[in-house]
Amino acid sequence: MDNFFPEGTRVWLRENGQHFPSTVNSCAGGVVVFRTDYGQVFTYKQSTITHQKVTAMHPMNEEDVDDMAMLTELHGGSIMHNLHQRYRRNQIYVC
């Protein structure tokens, strides 16, 4: 399984009980490097990565939504990611 996730794949990385929106930076030599949207970098041996640790991000989670119930993946990470995107647009509260 040389290409566990292709470079550039958007994923949810579960670390320390939290879901982080992340991008696969590299996947070579049995080592996968993830960079979170918050600038953190995590490196794992490919053989240690489980579905509980890393899941592919649904494309709809890349777009912010006004109604949190419309999120395709509903967990703490997706809610915080959506709020972060709305904060950057200065639209925390939508009327």
C-alpha atoms as a PDB file:
ATOM      1  CA  MET A   1       0.000   0.000   0.000  1.00  0.00           C
ATOM      2  CA  ASP A   2       2.469   2.594  -1.235  1.00  0.00           C
ATOM      3  CA  ASN A   3      -0.039   5.432  -1.615  1.00  0.00           C
ATOM      4  CA  PHE A   4      -2.144   5.217   1.511  1.00  0.00           C
ATOM      5  CA  PHE A   5      -3.478   8.701   0.798  1.00  0.00           C
ATOM      6  CA  PRO A   6      -2.228  10.642  -2.218  1.00  0.00           C
ATOM      7  CA  GLU A   7      -0.463  13.915  -1.464  1.00  0.00           C
ATOM      8  CA  GLY A   8      -2.926  16.763  -1.154  1.00  0.00           C
ATOM      9  CA  THR A   9      -5.776  14.596   0.167  1.00  0.00           C
ATOM     10  CA  ARG A  10      -7.930  16.367   2.747  1.00  0.00           C
ATOM     11  CA  VAL A  11      -8.457  14.282   5.890  1.00  0.00           C
ATOM     12  CA  TRP A  12      -9.601  14.424   9.486  1.00  0.00           C
ATOM     13  CA  LEU A  13      -6.686  13.578  11.759  1.00  0.00           C
ATOM     14  CA  ARG A  14      -7.645  12.477  15.256  1.00  0.00           C
ATOM     15  CA  GLU A  15      -4.948  13.461  17.725  1.00  0.00           C
ATOM     16  CA  ASN A  16      -5.281  13.835  21.504  1.00  0.00           C
ATOM     17  CA  GLY A  17      -9.045  13.307  21.327  1.00  0.00           C
ATOM     18  CA  GLN A  18      -9.613  16.069  18.753  1.00  0.00           C
ATOM     19  CA  HIS A  19     -10.294  16.024  15.017  1.00  0.00           C
ATOM     20  CA  PHE A  20      -7.986  18.300  13.016  1.00  0.00           C
ATOM     21  CA  PRO A  21      -8.704  19.294   9.411  1.00  0.00           C
ATOM     22  CA  SER A  22      -5.484  18.292   7.661  1.00  0.00           C
ATOM     23  CA  THR A  23      -3.773  17.735   4.342  1.00  0.00           C
ATOM     24  CA  VAL A  24      -1.490  14.844   3.437  1.00  0.00           C
ATOM     25  CA  ASN A  25       1.882  16.499   2.761  1.00  0.00           C
ATOM     26  CA  SER A  26       3.708  13.353   1.726  1.00  0.00           C
ATOM     27  CA  CYS A  27       3.307   9.615   1.674  1.00  0.00           C
ATOM     28  CA  ALA A  28       6.517   7.799   0.827  1.00  0.00           C
ATOM     29  CA  GLY A  29       8.775   5.161   2.272  1.00  0.00           C
ATOM     30  CA  GLY A  30       6.105   3.947   4.662  1.00  0.00           C
ATOM     31  CA  VAL A  31       5.842   7.370   6.324  1.00  0.00           C
ATOM     32  CA  VAL A  32       2.863   9.731   6.060  1.00  0.00           C
ATOM     33  CA  VAL A  33       3.169  13.425   6.938  1.00  0.00           C
ATOM     34  CA  PHE A  34       0.045  15.459   7.745  1.00  0.00           C
ATOM     35  CA  ARG A  35      -0.200  19.246   8.123  1.00  0.00           C
ATOM     36  CA  THR A  36      -3.217  20.593   9.980  1.00  0.00           C
ATOM     37  CA  ASP A  37      -4.987  23.762   8.920  1.00  0.00           C
ATOM     38  CA  TYR A  38      -3.587  25.260  12.130  1.00  0.00           C
ATOM     39  CA  GLY A  39       0.051  24.711  11.136  1.00  0.00           C
ATOM     40  CA  GLN A  40       0.817  21.587  13.153  1.00  0.00           C
ATOM     41  CA  VAL A  41       2.742  18.759  11.486  1.00  0.00           C
ATOM     42  CA  PHE A  42       2.263  15.098  12.424  1.00  0.00           C
ATOM     43  CA  THR A  43       4.304  12.194  11.072  1.00  0.00           C
ATOM     44  CA  TYR A  44       3.252   8.549  11.339  1.00  0.00           C
ATOM     45  CA  LYS A  45       4.436   5.215  10.072  1.00  0.00           C
ATOM     46  CA  GLN A  46       1.898   4.113   7.505  1.00  0.00           C
ATOM     47  CA  SER A  47       1.500   0.752   9.246  1.00  0.00           C
ATOM     48  CA  THR A  48       0.259   2.460  12.441  1.00  0.00           C
ATOM     49  CA  ILE A  49      -2.506   4.535  10.826  1.00  0.00           C
ATOM     50  CA  THR A  50      -6.020   3.262  11.469  1.00  0.00           C
ATOM     51  CA  HIS A  51      -9.436   4.431  10.332  1.00  0.00           C
ATOM     52  CA  GLN A  52      -9.969   5.798  13.842  1.00  0.00           C
ATOM     53  CA  LYS A  53      -6.829   7.937  13.461  1.00  0.00           C
ATOM     54  CA  VAL A  54      -7.359   9.247   9.898  1.00  0.00           C
ATOM     55  CA  THR A  55     -10.492   9.497   7.770  1.00  0.00           C
ATOM     56  CA  ALA A  56     -10.963  11.142   4.401  1.00  0.00           C
ATOM     57  CA  MET A  57     -12.741  14.494   4.605  1.00  0.00           C
ATOM     58  CA  HIS A  58     -16.024  14.778   2.742  1.00  0.00           C
ATOM     59  CA  PRO A  59     -15.697  17.493   0.048  1.00  0.00           C
ATOM     60  CA  MET A  60     -18.688  19.379   1.467  1.00  0.00           C
ATOM     61  CA  ASN A  61     -16.702  20.050   4.657  1.00  0.00           C
ATOM     62  CA  GLU A  62     -14.412  22.320   2.672  1.00  0.00           C
ATOM     63  CA  GLU A  63     -17.283  24.760   2.292  1.00  0.00           C
ATOM     64  CA  ASP A  64     -18.674  26.508   5.325  1.00  0.00           C
ATOM     65  CA  VAL A  65     -22.377  26.216   6.035  1.00  0.00           C
ATOM     66  CA  ASP A  66     -24.738  28.539   7.851  1.00  0.00           C
ATOM     67  CA  ASP A  67     -26.723  25.732   9.500  1.00  0.00           C
ATOM     68  CA  MET A  68     -24.485  23.344  11.447  1.00  0.00           C
ATOM     69  CA  ALA A  69     -27.064  20.575  10.941  1.00  0.00           C
ATOM     70  CA  MET A  70     -26.135  20.664   7.244  1.00  0.00           C
ATOM     71  CA  LEU A  71     -22.569  19.476   7.926  1.00  0.00           C
ATOM     72  CA  THR A  72     -21.958  16.119   6.265  1.00  0.00           C
ATOM     73  CA  GLU A  73     -19.696  14.986   9.114  1.00  0.00           C
ATOM     74  CA  LEU A  74     -20.883  16.058  12.523  1.00  0.00           C
ATOM     75  CA  HIS A  75     -18.190  15.959  15.195  1.00  0.00           C
ATOM     76  CA  GLY A  76     -16.292  18.516  17.243  1.00  0.00           C
ATOM     77  CA  GLY A  77     -13.632  19.000  14.594  1.00  0.00           C
ATOM     78  CA  SER A  78     -16.066  19.714  11.765  1.00  0.00           C
ATOM     79  CA  ILE A  79     -18.020  22.170  13.917  1.00  0.00           C
ATOM     80  CA  MET A  80     -14.857  24.021  14.973  1.00  0.00           C
ATOM     81  CA  HIS A  81     -13.558  24.011  11.388  1.00  0.00           C
ATOM     82  CA  ASN A  82     -16.844  25.475  10.145  1.00  0.00           C
ATOM     83  CA  LEU A  83     -16.790  28.157  12.850  1.00  0.00           C
ATOM     84  CA  HIS A  84     -13.151  28.949  12.032  1.00  0.00           C
ATOM     85  CA  GLN A  85     -14.027  29.434   8.358  1.00  0.00           C
ATOM     86  CA  ARG A  86     -16.966  31.676   9.280  1.00  0.00           C
ATOM     87  CA  TYR A  87     -14.769  33.646  11.696  1.00  0.00           C
ATOM     88  CA  ARG A  88     -12.232  34.320   8.933  1.00  0.00           C
ATOM     89  CA  ARG A  89     -15.093  35.764   6.858  1.00  0.00           C
ATOM     90  CA  ASN A  90     -16.386  37.728   9.877  1.00  0.00           C
ATOM     91  CA  GLN A  91     -19.703  35.844   9.702  1.00  0.00           C
ATOM     92  CA  ILE A  92     -19.897  33.970  12.987  1.00  0.00           C
ATOM     93  CA  TYR A  93     -23.578  34.718  13.430  1.00  0.00           C
ATOM     94  CA  VAL A  94     -25.718  34.367  10.353  1.00  0.00           C
ATOM     95  CA  CYS A  95     -29.164  35.955  10.324  1.00  0.00           C
END
